[in-house]
Amino acid sequence: MAHRGPYYKVVLLGELGVGKSSVFRRLRDDTFDERQPATTGIDSCTALFKVDNENVMLTIWDTAGVERFRTLTRNYYRNAHAAVFLYSVSEASSLHYLTQWVKDCENFAPSAVRMLIGNKSDLDAEVDFATAKSFANLYEFVGVHILSAKKNLGIQEAFQDLAAKLHAPLPRSPSIIPALPQSQSAPETSKKCCK
């Protein structure tokens, strides 16, 4: 059996109709169906990515965007390593409404890595990349990707980037050891353990 490598829980967040389930289905089984009804609950799948010659598994949770399911969704923030915030580039209000999802994430998964994804790049854009980047900077997102679930453009690249960011080694701060002044010497250590 091949070594699976580390895994990370990722939740997809955003308003109804932005294409969370379409992105999810592209990751799960590489399908797209415009007639697919909106998700009315929770679904999950696992996607495997190679990062530095190591398998990294993302367990992706597709959460309902319908307001009445928001309380159900909150339970799925728990233990999330990453939150992917989706909006439709063709609907500016979908980016604006992400502020509530960000607040929920701050409450329920404060240490989750955040990524912003603009879906529906195959449609006329109401939200340009600069606006999305400003939003991402404001809320300390690790990246911004524009993609199309319908045309299957940019999805693998976005989640490969997320896997790499999740799997990156944590930066270490240098140890600070106070130096003794030149005129002093270190105290001698006693060879006895008890007095």
Protein backbone atom coordinates (compact mmCIF):
# COMPACT_ATOMS: atom_id res chain seq x y z
CA MET A 1 0.00 0.00 0.00
CA ALA A 2 1.39 3.42 -0.96
CA HIS A 3 2.05 5.98 1.74
CA ARG A 4 -0.82 8.44 1.73
CA GLY A 5 1.05 11.33 3.30
CA PRO A 6 -0.43 14.11 5.38
CA TYR A 7 -4.04 15.17 4.99
CA TYR A 8 -5.74 18.51 5.51
CA LYS A 9 -9.41 19.33 5.98
CA VAL A 10 -10.63 22.05 3.59
CA VAL A 11 -14.09 23.65 3.69
CA LEU A 12 -15.66 25.40 0.70
CA LEU A 13 -17.57 28.52 1.73
CA GLY A 14 -19.67 31.11 -0.06
CA GLU A 15 -23.16 32.11 -1.06
CA LEU A 16 -25.67 30.00 -2.96
CA GLY A 17 -25.03 29.92 -6.69
CA VAL A 18 -21.31 30.80 -6.76
CA GLY A 19 -20.38 27.29 -7.90
CA LYS A 20 -19.01 25.61 -4.77
CA SER A 21 -20.58 22.29 -5.72
CA SER A 22 -19.41 22.62 -9.32
CA VAL A 23 -15.81 23.11 -8.16
CA PHE A 24 -16.28 20.23 -5.70
CA ARG A 25 -17.58 17.89 -8.43
CA ARG A 26 -14.65 18.81 -10.69
CA LEU A 27 -12.29 17.81 -7.90
CA ARG A 28 -14.24 14.67 -6.98
CA ASP A 29 -14.98 13.14 -10.39
CA ASP A 30 -14.17 15.76 -13.05
CA THR A 31 -17.80 16.38 -14.04
CA PHE A 32 -19.90 19.49 -14.60
CA ASP A 33 -23.69 19.66 -14.86
CA GLU A 34 -25.47 23.03 -15.00
CA ARG A 35 -28.76 21.32 -14.10
CA GLN A 36 -27.38 19.90 -10.85
CA PRO A 37 -29.56 21.20 -7.98
CA ALA A 38 -28.01 23.27 -5.19
CA THR A 39 -26.39 21.33 -2.37
CA THR A 40 -28.73 21.00 0.60
CA GLY A 41 -26.32 19.56 3.10
CA ILE A 42 -22.72 18.46 3.32
CA ASP A 43 -20.63 16.29 1.01
CA SER A 44 -16.93 15.47 1.10
CA CYS A 45 -14.25 13.96 -1.07
CA THR A 46 -10.51 13.47 -1.03
CA ALA A 47 -8.14 14.90 -3.63
CA LEU A 48 -4.48 13.93 -3.84
CA PHE A 49 -1.74 16.42 -4.77
CA LYS A 50 2.04 16.04 -5.03
CA VAL A 51 4.03 18.59 -3.01
CA ASP A 52 7.82 18.27 -2.93
CA ASN A 53 7.58 14.63 -4.06
CA GLU A 54 5.19 13.82 -1.21
CA ASN A 55 1.52 12.90 -1.47
CA VAL A 56 -0.70 15.48 0.22
CA MET A 57 -4.38 14.70 0.68
CA LEU A 58 -7.02 17.39 0.86
CA THR A 59 -10.33 16.28 2.34
CA ILE A 60 -12.70 18.78 0.80
CA TRP A 61 -16.07 19.57 2.36
CA ASP A 62 -18.78 21.12 0.20
CA THR A 63 -20.98 23.17 2.50
CA ALA A 64 -24.42 24.50 1.71
CA GLY A 65 -24.60 28.24 1.04
CA VAL A 66 -28.28 28.51 1.86
CA GLU A 67 -28.73 30.67 4.97
CA ARG A 68 -30.96 28.13 6.74
CA PHE A 69 -28.11 25.60 6.66
CA ARG A 70 -25.50 27.98 8.08
CA THR A 71 -25.85 26.56 11.63
CA LEU A 72 -25.32 23.05 10.27
CA THR A 73 -22.32 24.29 8.32
CA ARG A 74 -20.65 25.79 11.41
CA ASN A 75 -20.00 22.31 12.79
CA TYR A 76 -17.88 21.56 9.73
CA TYR A 77 -15.52 24.47 10.37
CA ARG A 78 -14.16 22.60 13.37
CA ASN A 79 -10.69 21.17 12.79
CA ALA A 80 -10.50 22.75 9.33
CA HIS A 81 -6.96 23.40 8.18
CA ALA A 82 -8.12 25.62 5.32
CA ALA A 83 -11.16 27.57 4.18
CA VAL A 84 -11.68 28.29 0.50
CA PHE A 85 -13.97 31.28 0.01
CA LEU A 86 -15.73 31.21 -3.34
CA TYR A 87 -17.48 34.04 -5.12
CA SER A 88 -18.76 34.48 -8.67
CA VAL A 89 -16.72 36.93 -10.75
CA SER A 90 -19.98 37.71 -12.57
CA GLU A 91 -21.78 38.82 -9.38
CA ALA A 92 -20.10 41.51 -7.24
CA SER A 93 -22.47 40.97 -4.31
CA SER A 94 -21.15 37.42 -3.87
CA LEU A 95 -17.73 38.85 -2.96
CA HIS A 96 -19.29 41.35 -0.56
CA TYR A 97 -21.27 38.63 1.24
CA LEU A 98 -18.07 36.69 1.93
CA THR A 99 -17.41 39.05 4.85
CA GLN A 100 -19.97 37.11 6.93
CA TRP A 101 -18.34 33.82 5.99
CA VAL A 102 -14.95 35.27 7.01
CA LYS A 103 -16.41 36.25 10.41
CA ASP A 104 -17.80 32.74 10.86
CA CYS A 105 -14.42 31.27 9.97
CA GLU A 106 -12.66 33.58 12.43
CA ASN A 107 -15.03 32.33 15.15
CA PHE A 108 -14.99 28.61 14.37
CA ALA A 109 -11.64 27.97 12.63
CA PRO A 110 -9.38 30.91 13.49
CA SER A 111 -6.16 29.15 12.50
CA ALA A 112 -7.44 27.93 9.11
CA VAL A 113 -5.47 29.03 6.06
CA ARG A 114 -7.73 31.14 3.82
CA MET A 115 -7.81 31.22 0.04
CA LEU A 116 -10.07 33.28 -2.23
CA ILE A 117 -11.42 31.78 -5.44
CA GLY A 118 -13.40 33.62 -8.09
CA ASN A 119 -15.45 31.13 -10.10
CA LYS A 120 -17.30 31.56 -13.42
CA SER A 121 -14.46 33.23 -15.30
CA ASP A 122 -16.23 32.05 -18.46
CA LEU A 123 -18.87 34.79 -17.85
CA ASP A 124 -18.58 38.58 -18.05
CA ALA A 125 -16.79 39.80 -14.94
CA GLU A 126 -18.24 42.33 -12.49
CA VAL A 127 -15.30 41.79 -10.12
CA ASP A 128 -11.80 42.45 -11.44
CA PHE A 129 -8.67 40.77 -10.08
CA ALA A 130 -7.47 43.95 -8.31
CA THR A 131 -10.72 44.11 -6.29
CA ALA A 132 -10.42 40.43 -5.36
CA LYS A 133 -6.76 40.91 -4.39
CA SER A 134 -7.67 43.89 -2.16
CA PHE A 135 -10.35 41.80 -0.43
CA ALA A 136 -7.86 38.95 0.04
CA ASN A 137 -5.23 41.29 1.49
CA LEU A 138 -7.76 42.83 3.88
CA TYR A 139 -8.60 39.43 5.37
CA GLU A 140 -5.09 37.93 5.16
CA PHE A 141 -5.81 35.27 2.55
CA VAL A 142 -2.82 33.27 1.29
CA GLY A 143 -3.83 33.49 -2.35
CA VAL A 144 -6.37 34.46 -4.98
CA HIS A 145 -7.32 32.31 -7.97
CA ILE A 146 -9.77 32.95 -10.79
CA LEU A 147 -11.19 29.84 -12.44
CA SER A 148 -14.08 28.27 -14.31
CA ALA A 149 -15.66 25.05 -13.10
CA LYS A 150 -17.72 24.94 -16.30
CA LYS A 151 -14.68 25.09 -18.58
CA ASN A 152 -12.47 23.19 -16.09
CA LEU A 153 -9.91 26.01 -16.02
CA GLY A 154 -7.66 26.73 -13.05
CA ILE A 155 -9.17 24.32 -10.52
CA GLN A 156 -6.26 21.92 -10.24
CA GLU A 157 -3.80 24.82 -10.09
CA ALA A 158 -5.73 26.56 -7.30
CA PHE A 159 -5.92 23.46 -5.11
CA GLN A 160 -2.32 22.48 -5.91
CA ASP A 161 -1.34 25.94 -4.63
CA LEU A 162 -3.45 25.42 -1.50
CA ALA A 163 -1.88 21.99 -0.87
CA ALA A 164 1.59 23.52 -1.19
CA LYS A 165 0.74 26.34 1.21
CA LEU A 166 -0.74 23.95 3.76
CA HIS A 167 2.22 21.60 3.54
CA ALA A 168 4.93 24.28 3.62
CA PRO A 169 7.18 24.11 6.66
CA LEU A 170 6.32 26.59 9.35
CA PRO A 171 8.74 29.49 9.55
CA ARG A 172 10.93 29.24 12.61
CA SER A 173 11.98 32.27 14.53
CA PRO A 174 15.62 32.35 15.48
CA SER A 175 16.38 31.49 19.07
CA ILE A 176 17.49 34.49 21.05
CA ILE A 177 20.08 33.74 23.69
CA PRO A 178 21.25 36.73 25.66
CA ALA A 179 25.00 37.17 25.50
CA LEU A 180 26.96 37.74 28.67
CA PRO A 181 28.83 41.02 28.85
CA GLN A 182 32.55 40.67 28.07
CA SER A 183 33.63 41.52 31.61
CA GLN A 184 31.54 38.77 33.17
CA SER A 185 32.04 35.10 32.87
CA ALA A 186 29.45 32.42 33.07
CA PRO A 187 28.82 31.10 36.58
CA GLU A 188 30.47 27.80 37.28
CA THR A 189 28.11 24.91 37.48
CA SER A 190 28.14 22.74 40.56
CA LYS A 191 29.09 19.13 40.11
CA LYS A 192 26.84 18.13 43.00
CA CYS A 193 23.15 17.62 42.49
CA CYS A 194 22.18 18.31 46.08
CA LYS A 195 23.54 20.59 48.82
